[in-house]
Amino acid sequence: MSPDPGKTDMPQTKSSPIAHPYPGRLITLDGIDGVGKSSQIEILAERLRSEGGNVLCVRDPGSTDLGTKLRAMLLDSDLEMHRRTEAMLFMASRCEMIESTLRSALADGVTVISDRFLLANVVYQSVGGEVDAQTLWQLGRLACGGVQPDVTLLLDLPAEISMQRVGGEADRMESRGVDYMAKVRQAFLDELPNAGGRTHVIDASGTIEEVAETIAAIELF
């Protein structure tokens, strides 16, 4: 059943076993394009730092030399590739980020806030049916080497509002249209319980300040 495009009772929370063996915390923010992840990451990081936390912000794909190059390829609207190819490039970028940055940061007790993680990889590459979600989760867990989020915050927004917010020139993912984005939104909701750690669905249709207040009320540690 498709989600109600209107507001829902938020946040919704679920839990699963321990995410990784390190003292740090991995908090990921995800959702379809236009939900406001970047703004909320900035606000959350500033709040945690003001409380004395050691915070590292990363984005997936990206945050390494290899990841930055792969990100440019993956978002190039003029570059066509099979969904399986997309999936493997995302996996490679994430693996490099974990092994070069995240694992050591988590071991040092740092709170890492990631703009997207494996959940997005599974969702975007499974919508359309070329690669099934279960296979992507299996490959992703292998690439992540035992690291998964402690907390995943899924910012939820109807596809129509998402496309209005994005506006301008769409990247390769966004250019697939509103129907595609609606399928992606539903896939995020369906796959979220598999993300690991504690998961929260947050209504992202409000103002930046309203969404930030909702996130601030969530127990992250």
C-alpha atoms as a PDB file:
ATOM      1  CA  MET A   1       0.000   0.000   0.000  1.00  0.00           C
ATOM      2  CA  SER A   2       1.357   3.436  -0.910  1.00  0.00           C
ATOM      3  CA  PRO A   3       1.966   5.824   1.981  1.00  0.00           C
ATOM      4  CA  ASP A   4      -0.448   8.675   2.634  1.00  0.00           C
ATOM      5  CA  PRO A   5       1.063  11.731   0.902  1.00  0.00           C
ATOM      6  CA  GLY A   6      -0.109  13.867   3.792  1.00  0.00           C
ATOM      7  CA  LYS A   7       1.434  14.172   7.237  1.00  0.00           C
ATOM      8  CA  THR A   8       1.730  11.080   9.390  1.00  0.00           C
ATOM      9  CA  ASP A   9       2.362  10.542  13.084  1.00  0.00           C
ATOM     10  CA  MET A  10       6.138  10.964  13.371  1.00  0.00           C
ATOM     11  CA  PRO A  11       8.656   9.800  14.325  1.00  0.00           C
ATOM     12  CA  GLN A  12       8.173   6.037  14.111  1.00  0.00           C
ATOM     13  CA  THR A  13      10.903   3.987  15.757  1.00  0.00           C
ATOM     14  CA  LYS A  14      12.222   0.438  15.411  1.00  0.00           C
ATOM     15  CA  SER A  15      15.279  -1.320  16.820  1.00  0.00           C
ATOM     16  CA  SER A  16      17.623  -4.149  15.811  1.00  0.00           C
ATOM     17  CA  PRO A  17      20.854  -5.627  17.257  1.00  0.00           C
ATOM     18  CA  ILE A  18      24.129  -3.799  17.923  1.00  0.00           C
ATOM     19  CA  ALA A  19      25.562  -2.055  14.874  1.00  0.00           C
ATOM     20  CA  HIS A  20      29.356  -2.391  15.370  1.00  0.00           C
ATOM     21  CA  PRO A  21      31.924  -3.064  18.123  1.00  0.00           C
ATOM     22  CA  TYR A  22      33.299   0.492  18.456  1.00  0.00           C
ATOM     23  CA  PRO A  23      32.699   3.159  21.141  1.00  0.00           C
ATOM     24  CA  GLY A  24      31.732   5.823  18.585  1.00  0.00           C
ATOM     25  CA  ARG A  25      28.272   6.253  17.062  1.00  0.00           C
ATOM     26  CA  LEU A  26      27.261   6.127  13.408  1.00  0.00           C
ATOM     27  CA  ILE A  27      24.147   8.201  12.733  1.00  0.00           C
ATOM     28  CA  THR A  28      22.822   8.256   9.178  1.00  0.00           C
ATOM     29  CA  LEU A  29      20.231  10.536   7.590  1.00  0.00           C
ATOM     30  CA  ASP A  30      18.437   9.347   4.493  1.00  0.00           C
ATOM     31  CA  GLY A  31      15.392   9.838   2.298  1.00  0.00           C
ATOM     32  CA  ILE A  32      14.425  10.837  -1.214  1.00  0.00           C
ATOM     33  CA  ASP A  33      15.922  13.961  -2.758  1.00  0.00           C
ATOM     34  CA  GLY A  34      14.627  17.254  -1.402  1.00  0.00           C
ATOM     35  CA  VAL A  35      13.897  16.092   2.156  1.00  0.00           C
ATOM     36  CA  GLY A  36      16.497  18.448   3.640  1.00  0.00           C
ATOM     37  CA  LYS A  37      19.214  16.051   4.781  1.00  0.00           C
ATOM     38  CA  SER A  38      22.059  18.540   4.407  1.00  0.00           C
ATOM     39  CA  SER A  39      20.380  21.192   6.547  1.00  0.00           C
ATOM     40  CA  GLN A  40      19.482  18.708   9.273  1.00  0.00           C
ATOM     41  CA  ILE A  41      22.984  17.217   9.333  1.00  0.00           C
ATOM     42  CA  GLU A  42      24.470  20.681   9.790  1.00  0.00           C
ATOM     43  CA  ILE A  43      22.045  21.508  12.623  1.00  0.00           C
ATOM     44  CA  LEU A  44      22.521  18.140  14.329  1.00  0.00           C
ATOM     45  CA  ALA A  45      26.315  18.322  14.119  1.00  0.00           C
ATOM     46  CA  GLU A  46      26.352  21.849  15.540  1.00  0.00           C
ATOM     47  CA  ARG A  47      24.094  20.799  18.423  1.00  0.00           C
ATOM     48  CA  LEU A  48      26.180  17.740  19.310  1.00  0.00           C
ATOM     49  CA  ARG A  49      29.400  19.760  19.173  1.00  0.00           C
ATOM     50  CA  SER A  50      27.886  22.421  21.437  1.00  0.00           C
ATOM     51  CA  GLU A  51      27.204  19.612  23.914  1.00  0.00           C
ATOM     52  CA  GLY A  52      30.878  18.631  23.845  1.00  0.00           C
ATOM     53  CA  GLY A  53      30.719  15.872  21.259  1.00  0.00           C
ATOM     54  CA  ASN A  54      33.464  15.016  18.775  1.00  0.00           C
ATOM     55  CA  VAL A  55      31.595  14.916  15.454  1.00  0.00           C
ATOM     56  CA  LEU A  56      32.624  13.953  11.922  1.00  0.00           C
ATOM     57  CA  CYS A  57      30.254  14.566   8.994  1.00  0.00           C
ATOM     58  CA  VAL A  58      30.597  12.491   5.819  1.00  0.00           C
ATOM     59  CA  ARG A  59      28.532  11.839   2.710  1.00  0.00           C
ATOM     60  CA  ASP A  60      27.954   8.598   0.857  1.00  0.00           C
ATOM     61  CA  PRO A  61      29.121   8.461  -1.869  1.00  0.00           C
ATOM     62  CA  GLY A  62      31.998  10.850  -1.321  1.00  0.00           C
ATOM     63  CA  SER A  63      34.306  11.942   1.517  1.00  0.00           C
ATOM     64  CA  THR A  64      37.377  10.270  -0.018  1.00  0.00           C
ATOM     65  CA  ASP A  65      39.293  10.979  -3.223  1.00  0.00           C
ATOM     66  CA  LEU A  66      37.922   7.800  -4.783  1.00  0.00           C
ATOM     67  CA  GLY A  67      34.422   8.442  -3.459  1.00  0.00           C
ATOM     68  CA  THR A  68      34.359  11.975  -4.864  1.00  0.00           C
ATOM     69  CA  LYS A  69      35.280  10.711  -8.333  1.00  0.00           C
ATOM     70  CA  LEU A  70      32.715   7.912  -8.169  1.00  0.00           C
ATOM     71  CA  ARG A  71      30.060  10.366  -6.946  1.00  0.00           C
ATOM     72  CA  ALA A  72      30.602  12.574  -9.983  1.00  0.00           C
ATOM     73  CA  MET A  73      30.147   9.573 -12.263  1.00  0.00           C
ATOM     74  CA  LEU A  74      27.053   8.299 -10.448  1.00  0.00           C
ATOM     75  CA  LEU A  75      25.262  11.670 -10.544  1.00  0.00           C
ATOM     76  CA  ASP A  76      26.220  12.572 -14.132  1.00  0.00           C
ATOM     77  CA  SER A  77      22.889  12.980 -15.982  1.00  0.00           C
ATOM     78  CA  ASP A  78      24.641  12.312 -19.315  1.00  0.00           C
ATOM     79  CA  LEU A  79      26.121   8.988 -18.200  1.00  0.00           C
ATOM     80  CA  GLU A  80      23.984   5.858 -18.566  1.00  0.00           C
ATOM     81  CA  MET A  81      24.789   2.654 -16.697  1.00  0.00           C
ATOM     82  CA  HIS A  82      23.072  -0.547 -15.587  1.00  0.00           C
ATOM     83  CA  ARG A  83      21.639  -0.604 -12.052  1.00  0.00           C
ATOM     84  CA  ARG A  84      24.044  -3.412 -11.142  1.00  0.00           C
ATOM     85  CA  THR A  85      26.943  -1.208 -12.243  1.00  0.00           C
ATOM     86  CA  GLU A  86      25.553   1.640 -10.131  1.00  0.00           C
ATOM     87  CA  ALA A  87      25.263  -0.669  -7.154  1.00  0.00           C
ATOM     88  CA  MET A  88      28.873  -1.818  -7.356  1.00  0.00           C
ATOM     89  CA  LEU A  89      30.215   1.724  -7.674  1.00  0.00           C
ATOM     90  CA  PHE A  90      28.245   2.811  -4.606  1.00  0.00           C
ATOM     91  CA  MET A  91      29.545  -0.233  -2.711  1.00  0.00           C
ATOM     92  CA  ALA A  92      33.133   0.573  -3.685  1.00  0.00           C
ATOM     93  CA  SER A  93      32.805   4.177  -2.532  1.00  0.00           C
ATOM     94  CA  ARG A  94      31.313   3.140   0.818  1.00  0.00           C
ATOM     95  CA  CYS A  95      33.939   0.464   1.420  1.00  0.00           C
ATOM     96  CA  GLU A  96      36.719   2.989   0.809  1.00  0.00           C
ATOM     97  CA  MET A  97      35.094   5.527   3.142  1.00  0.00           C
ATOM     98  CA  ILE A  98      34.705   2.970   5.933  1.00  0.00           C
ATOM     99  CA  GLU A  99      38.252   1.646   5.696  1.00  0.00           C
ATOM    100  CA  SER A 100      39.949   5.023   5.244  1.00  0.00           C
ATOM    101  CA  THR A 101      37.862   7.138   7.629  1.00  0.00           C
ATOM    102  CA  LEU A 102      34.841   5.721   9.462  1.00  0.00           C
ATOM    103  CA  ARG A 103      36.309   2.675  11.157  1.00  0.00           C
ATOM    104  CA  SER A 104      39.160   4.586  12.804  1.00  0.00           C
ATOM    105  CA  ALA A 105      36.850   7.458  13.777  1.00  0.00           C
ATOM    106  CA  LEU A 106      34.363   5.094  15.424  1.00  0.00           C
ATOM    107  CA  ALA A 107      37.219   3.310  17.197  1.00  0.00           C
ATOM    108  CA  ASP A 108      38.322   6.687  18.598  1.00  0.00           C
ATOM    109  CA  GLY A 109      34.838   7.351  19.985  1.00  0.00           C
ATOM    110  CA  VAL A 110      33.818   9.909  17.366  1.00  0.00           C
ATOM    111  CA  THR A 111      30.160  10.448  16.463  1.00  0.00           C
ATOM    112  CA  VAL A 112      29.953  10.096  12.681  1.00  0.00           C
ATOM    113  CA  ILE A 113      26.968  11.630  10.873  1.00  0.00           C
ATOM    114  CA  SER A 114      26.586  10.278   7.342  1.00  0.00           C
ATOM    115  CA  ASP A 115      24.528  11.782   4.533  1.00  0.00           C
ATOM    116  CA  ARG A 116      23.155   8.466   3.202  1.00  0.00           C
ATOM    117  CA  PHE A 117      24.507   4.956   3.733  1.00  0.00           C
ATOM    118  CA  LEU A 118      23.766   1.391   2.599  1.00  0.00           C
ATOM    119  CA  LEU A 119      19.977   1.844   2.870  1.00  0.00           C
ATOM    120  CA  ALA A 120      19.990   4.335  -0.007  1.00  0.00           C
ATOM    121  CA  ASN A 121      22.152   2.013  -2.088  1.00  0.00           C
ATOM    122  CA  VAL A 122      19.659  -0.827  -1.657  1.00  0.00           C
ATOM    123  CA  VAL A 123      16.647   1.376  -2.360  1.00  0.00           C
ATOM    124  CA  TYR A 124      17.835   3.214  -5.452  1.00  0.00           C
ATOM    125  CA  GLN A 125      19.337   0.184  -7.164  1.00  0.00           C
ATOM    126  CA  SER A 126      16.464  -2.217  -6.364  1.00  0.00           C
ATOM    127  CA  VAL A 127      13.664   0.051  -7.590  1.00  0.00           C
ATOM    128  CA  GLY A 128      13.037  -1.063 -11.145  1.00  0.00           C
ATOM    129  CA  GLY A 129      13.789  -4.704 -10.435  1.00  0.00           C
ATOM    130  CA  GLU A 130      17.174  -5.134 -12.129  1.00  0.00           C
ATOM    131  CA  VAL A 131      18.793  -6.047  -8.782  1.00  0.00           C
ATOM    132  CA  ASP A 132      16.829  -7.476  -5.857  1.00  0.00           C
ATOM    133  CA  ALA A 133      17.041  -5.868  -2.435  1.00  0.00           C
ATOM    134  CA  GLN A 134      18.160  -9.020  -0.606  1.00  0.00           C
ATOM    135  CA  THR A 135      21.196  -9.391  -2.867  1.00  0.00           C
ATOM    136  CA  LEU A 136      22.088  -5.738  -2.343  1.00  0.00           C
ATOM    137  CA  TRP A 137      21.867  -6.072   1.444  1.00  0.00           C
ATOM    138  CA  GLN A 138      24.168  -9.107   1.304  1.00  0.00           C
ATOM    139  CA  LEU A 139      26.715  -7.360  -0.921  1.00  0.00           C
ATOM    140  CA  GLY A 140      26.450  -4.200   1.142  1.00  0.00           C
ATOM    141  CA  ARG A 141      27.115  -5.920   4.441  1.00  0.00           C
ATOM    142  CA  LEU A 142      30.195  -7.522   2.896  1.00  0.00           C
ATOM    143  CA  ALA A 143      31.425  -4.135   1.642  1.00  0.00           C
ATOM    144  CA  CYS A 144      30.745  -2.505   5.027  1.00  0.00           C
ATOM    145  CA  GLY A 145      32.893  -5.047   6.864  1.00  0.00           C
ATOM    146  CA  GLY A 146      30.787  -5.195  10.015  1.00  0.00           C
ATOM    147  CA  VAL A 147      29.962  -1.483  10.226  1.00  0.00           C
ATOM    148  CA  GLN A 148      26.308  -0.476  10.151  1.00  0.00           C
ATOM    149  CA  PRO A 149      24.442   2.522  11.578  1.00  0.00           C
ATOM    150  CA  ASP A 150      23.593   2.823  15.256  1.00  0.00           C
ATOM    151  CA  VAL A 151      20.737   5.148  14.302  1.00  0.00           C
ATOM    152  CA  THR A 152      19.076   5.809  10.938  1.00  0.00           C
ATOM    153  CA  LEU A 153      16.873   8.890  10.570  1.00  0.00           C
ATOM    154  CA  LEU A 154      14.644   8.552   7.498  1.00  0.00           C
ATOM    155  CA  LEU A 155      13.299  11.953   6.475  1.00  0.00           C
ATOM    156  CA  ASP A 156      10.005  11.220   4.727  1.00  0.00           C
ATOM    157  CA  LEU A 157       8.310  13.429   2.146  1.00  0.00           C
ATOM    158  CA  PRO A 158       5.767  12.875  -0.672  1.00  0.00           C
ATOM    159  CA  ALA A 159       7.444  12.561  -4.069  1.00  0.00           C
ATOM    160  CA  GLU A 160       5.563  15.545  -5.510  1.00  0.00           C
ATOM    161  CA  ILE A 161       6.887  17.864  -2.806  1.00  0.00           C
ATOM    162  CA  SER A 162      10.345  16.366  -3.228  1.00  0.00           C
ATOM    163  CA  MET A 163      10.444  17.232  -6.924  1.00  0.00           C
ATOM    164  CA  GLN A 164       9.173  20.763  -6.240  1.00  0.00           C
ATOM    165  CA  ARG A 165      11.909  21.318  -3.692  1.00  0.00           C
ATOM    166  CA  VAL A 166      14.662  19.935  -5.913  1.00  0.00           C
ATOM    167  CA  GLY A 167      13.736  22.147  -8.888  1.00  0.00           C
ATOM    168  CA  GLY A 168      16.336  23.335 -11.388  1.00  0.00           C
ATOM    169  CA  GLU A 169      18.541  20.881 -13.254  1.00  0.00           C
ATOM    170  CA  ALA A 170      18.066  17.321 -11.990  1.00  0.00           C
ATOM    171  CA  ASP A 171      20.944  14.889 -11.572  1.00  0.00           C
ATOM    172  CA  ARG A 172      20.844  11.424 -13.146  1.00  0.00           C
ATOM    173  CA  MET A 173      18.771   9.941 -10.314  1.00  0.00           C
ATOM    174  CA  GLU A 174      16.312  12.830 -10.027  1.00  0.00           C
ATOM    175  CA  SER A 175      15.725  13.021 -13.791  1.00  0.00           C
ATOM    176  CA  ARG A 176      13.786   9.725 -13.687  1.00  0.00           C
ATOM    177  CA  GLY A 177      10.644  11.628 -12.664  1.00  0.00           C
ATOM    178  CA  VAL A 178       7.988  11.810  -9.956  1.00  0.00           C
ATOM    179  CA  ASP A 179       6.614   8.276 -10.468  1.00  0.00           C
ATOM    180  CA  TYR A 180      10.091   6.855  -9.989  1.00  0.00           C
ATOM    181  CA  MET A 181      10.612   9.023  -6.902  1.00  0.00           C
ATOM    182  CA  ALA A 182       7.315   7.782  -5.426  1.00  0.00           C
ATOM    183  CA  LYS A 183       8.530   4.197  -5.807  1.00  0.00           C
ATOM    184  CA  VAL A 184      11.817   5.167  -4.173  1.00  0.00           C
ATOM    185  CA  ARG A 185       9.965   6.747  -1.252  1.00  0.00           C
ATOM    186  CA  GLN A 186       7.953   3.575  -0.667  1.00  0.00           C
ATOM    187  CA  ALA A 187      11.086   1.436  -0.960  1.00  0.00           C
ATOM    188  CA  PHE A 188      12.788   3.534   1.733  1.00  0.00           C
ATOM    189  CA  LEU A 189       9.874   2.868   4.084  1.00  0.00           C
ATOM    190  CA  ASP A 190       9.825  -0.841   3.217  1.00  0.00           C
ATOM    191  CA  GLU A 191      13.579  -1.402   3.584  1.00  0.00           C
ATOM    192  CA  LEU A 192      14.232   0.816   6.611  1.00  0.00           C
ATOM    193  CA  PRO A 193      13.814  -2.029   9.172  1.00  0.00           C
ATOM    194  CA  ASN A 194      16.822  -3.762   7.549  1.00  0.00           C
ATOM    195  CA  ALA A 195      19.150  -0.775   8.007  1.00  0.00           C
ATOM    196  CA  GLY A 196      20.494  -1.911  11.383  1.00  0.00           C
ATOM    197  CA  GLY A 197      20.452  -0.255  14.789  1.00  0.00           C
ATOM    198  CA  ARG A 198      17.528   1.984  15.735  1.00  0.00           C
ATOM    199  CA  THR A 199      15.442   3.488  12.949  1.00  0.00           C
ATOM    200  CA  HIS A 200      13.155   6.518  12.964  1.00  0.00           C
ATOM    201  CA  VAL A 201      10.760   7.847  10.300  1.00  0.00           C
ATOM    202  CA  ILE A 202      10.509  11.632  10.491  1.00  0.00           C
ATOM    203  CA  ASP A 203       7.973  13.880   8.761  1.00  0.00           C
ATOM    204  CA  ALA A 204      10.119  16.214   6.643  1.00  0.00           C
ATOM    205  CA  SER A 205       7.239  18.315   5.284  1.00  0.00           C
ATOM    206  CA  GLY A 206       7.594  20.977   7.975  1.00  0.00           C
ATOM    207  CA  THR A 207      10.046  23.848   8.202  1.00  0.00           C
ATOM    208  CA  ILE A 208      13.748  23.257   8.781  1.00  0.00           C
ATOM    209  CA  GLU A 209      13.270  24.338  12.392  1.00  0.00           C
ATOM    210  CA  GLU A 210      10.301  21.998  12.940  1.00  0.00           C
ATOM    211  CA  VAL A 211      12.168  18.991  11.561  1.00  0.00           C
ATOM    212  CA  ALA A 212      15.232  19.881  13.652  1.00  0.00           C
ATOM    213  CA  GLU A 213      13.062  19.971  16.783  1.00  0.00           C
ATOM    214  CA  THR A 214      11.721  16.505  15.987  1.00  0.00           C
ATOM    215  CA  ILE A 215      15.249  15.152  15.589  1.00  0.00           C
ATOM    216  CA  ALA A 216      16.392  16.871  18.797  1.00  0.00           C
ATOM    217  CA  ALA A 217      13.722  14.943  20.714  1.00  0.00           C
ATOM    218  CA  ILE A 218      15.120  11.572  19.587  1.00  0.00           C
ATOM    219  CA  GLU A 219      17.492   9.670  21.864  1.00  0.00           C
ATOM    220  CA  LEU A 220      20.619   9.138  19.752  1.00  0.00           C
ATOM    221  CA  PHE A 221      22.957   7.687  22.404  1.00  0.00           C
END
